[in-house]
Protein backbone atom coordinates (compact mmCIF):
# COMPACT_ATOMS: atom_id res chain seq x y z
CA MET A 1 -0.15 0.05 -0.04
CA ASN A 2 1.46 3.39 -1.08
CA ALA A 3 0.61 6.39 1.23
CA HIS A 4 1.15 8.76 -1.86
CA HIS A 5 -2.20 7.17 -3.16
CA LEU A 6 -4.17 7.50 -0.05
CA PRO A 7 -7.00 10.00 0.25
CA CYS A 8 -6.74 12.77 2.86
CA GLY A 9 -8.04 11.97 6.43
CA THR A 10 -7.51 8.19 6.24
CA TRP A 11 -6.30 6.61 9.48
CA LEU A 12 -3.31 4.19 9.08
CA VAL A 13 -1.67 1.60 11.36
CA ILE A 14 2.10 1.57 10.23
CA GLU A 15 5.09 -0.78 11.56
CA SER A 16 8.18 0.89 12.34
CA GLY A 17 10.61 -0.72 9.47
CA ALA A 18 14.30 -1.07 9.23
CA ARG A 19 16.21 1.82 8.69
CA ASP A 20 16.69 1.19 5.00
CA LYS A 21 13.06 0.31 4.28
CA GLY A 22 11.12 3.04 6.26
CA PRO A 23 7.64 2.20 7.73
CA LEU A 24 5.36 -0.25 6.36
CA ILE A 25 1.67 0.45 5.93
CA VAL A 26 -0.36 -2.42 7.77
CA SER A 27 -3.77 -1.32 7.40
CA ARG A 28 -6.19 1.64 6.83
CA HIS A 29 -9.26 2.48 8.84
CA ALA A 30 -12.10 5.17 8.79
CA SER A 31 -11.65 6.33 12.37
CA CYS A 32 -9.13 7.17 14.99
CA GLN A 33 -10.71 4.76 17.39
CA GLU A 34 -10.44 1.64 14.80
CA ALA A 35 -6.98 2.48 14.01
CA GLU A 36 -6.01 2.99 17.69
CA ALA A 37 -7.72 -0.37 18.69
CA GLU A 38 -5.78 -2.29 15.72
CA ARG A 39 -2.59 -0.67 16.81
CA ASP A 40 -3.10 -1.77 20.58
CA ARG A 41 -4.07 -5.37 19.51
CA ARG A 42 -0.74 -5.64 17.28
CA ASN A 43 1.41 -4.12 19.90
CA ARG A 44 -0.13 -6.53 22.58
CA ALA A 45 1.53 -9.47 20.50
CA ALA A 46 4.77 -7.69 19.79
CA SER A 47 7.58 -7.64 22.22
CA GLU A 48 8.21 -3.87 21.81
CA LEU A 49 6.16 -1.02 20.50
CA HIS A 50 6.54 -1.35 16.79
CA PHE A 51 3.03 -0.33 15.48
CA GLN A 52 1.63 3.33 15.27
CA ALA A 53 -1.78 4.98 14.23
CA CYS A 54 -1.26 8.11 12.26
CA LEU A 55 -3.58 10.22 9.98
CA VAL A 56 -2.69 11.15 6.44
CA LEU A 57 -2.81 14.60 5.99
CA GLU A 58 -2.65 16.95 2.68
CA PRO A 59 0.81 18.60 1.84
CA ILE A 60 -0.64 22.14 1.88
CA ALA A 61 2.80 23.81 1.52
CA GLN A 62 3.04 22.01 -1.79
CA ARG A 63 -0.21 23.21 -2.88
CA MET A 64 0.30 26.74 -1.70
CA GLY A 65 3.79 27.54 -3.15
CA GLY A 66 2.90 25.52 -6.51
CA ARG A 67 6.45 23.64 -5.99
CA GLN A 68 6.94 20.23 -4.61
CA SER A 69 7.94 19.68 -1.13
CA PRO A 70 11.69 18.88 -0.47
CA ALA A 71 10.45 15.71 1.45
CA ALA A 72 8.60 14.41 -1.78
CA LEU A 73 11.90 14.69 -3.70
CA ARG A 74 13.63 12.10 -1.78
CA ARG A 75 11.54 9.00 -3.00
């Protein structure tokens, strides 16, 4: 699942990846409560806290300036 193709306002559960791979999107959810419940369920089974819930936001700086953000250039 690629975060660049997700609609804004989508809740995700991500797994912290290795340094060279980055985070891995595990699942998407309609609400914060669903994402947090899934995160908590997965973290209970793990030895460390590997999973996080987060929200996809629109990169408004890119839209306002008409230029691509520096973070987007590092793909």
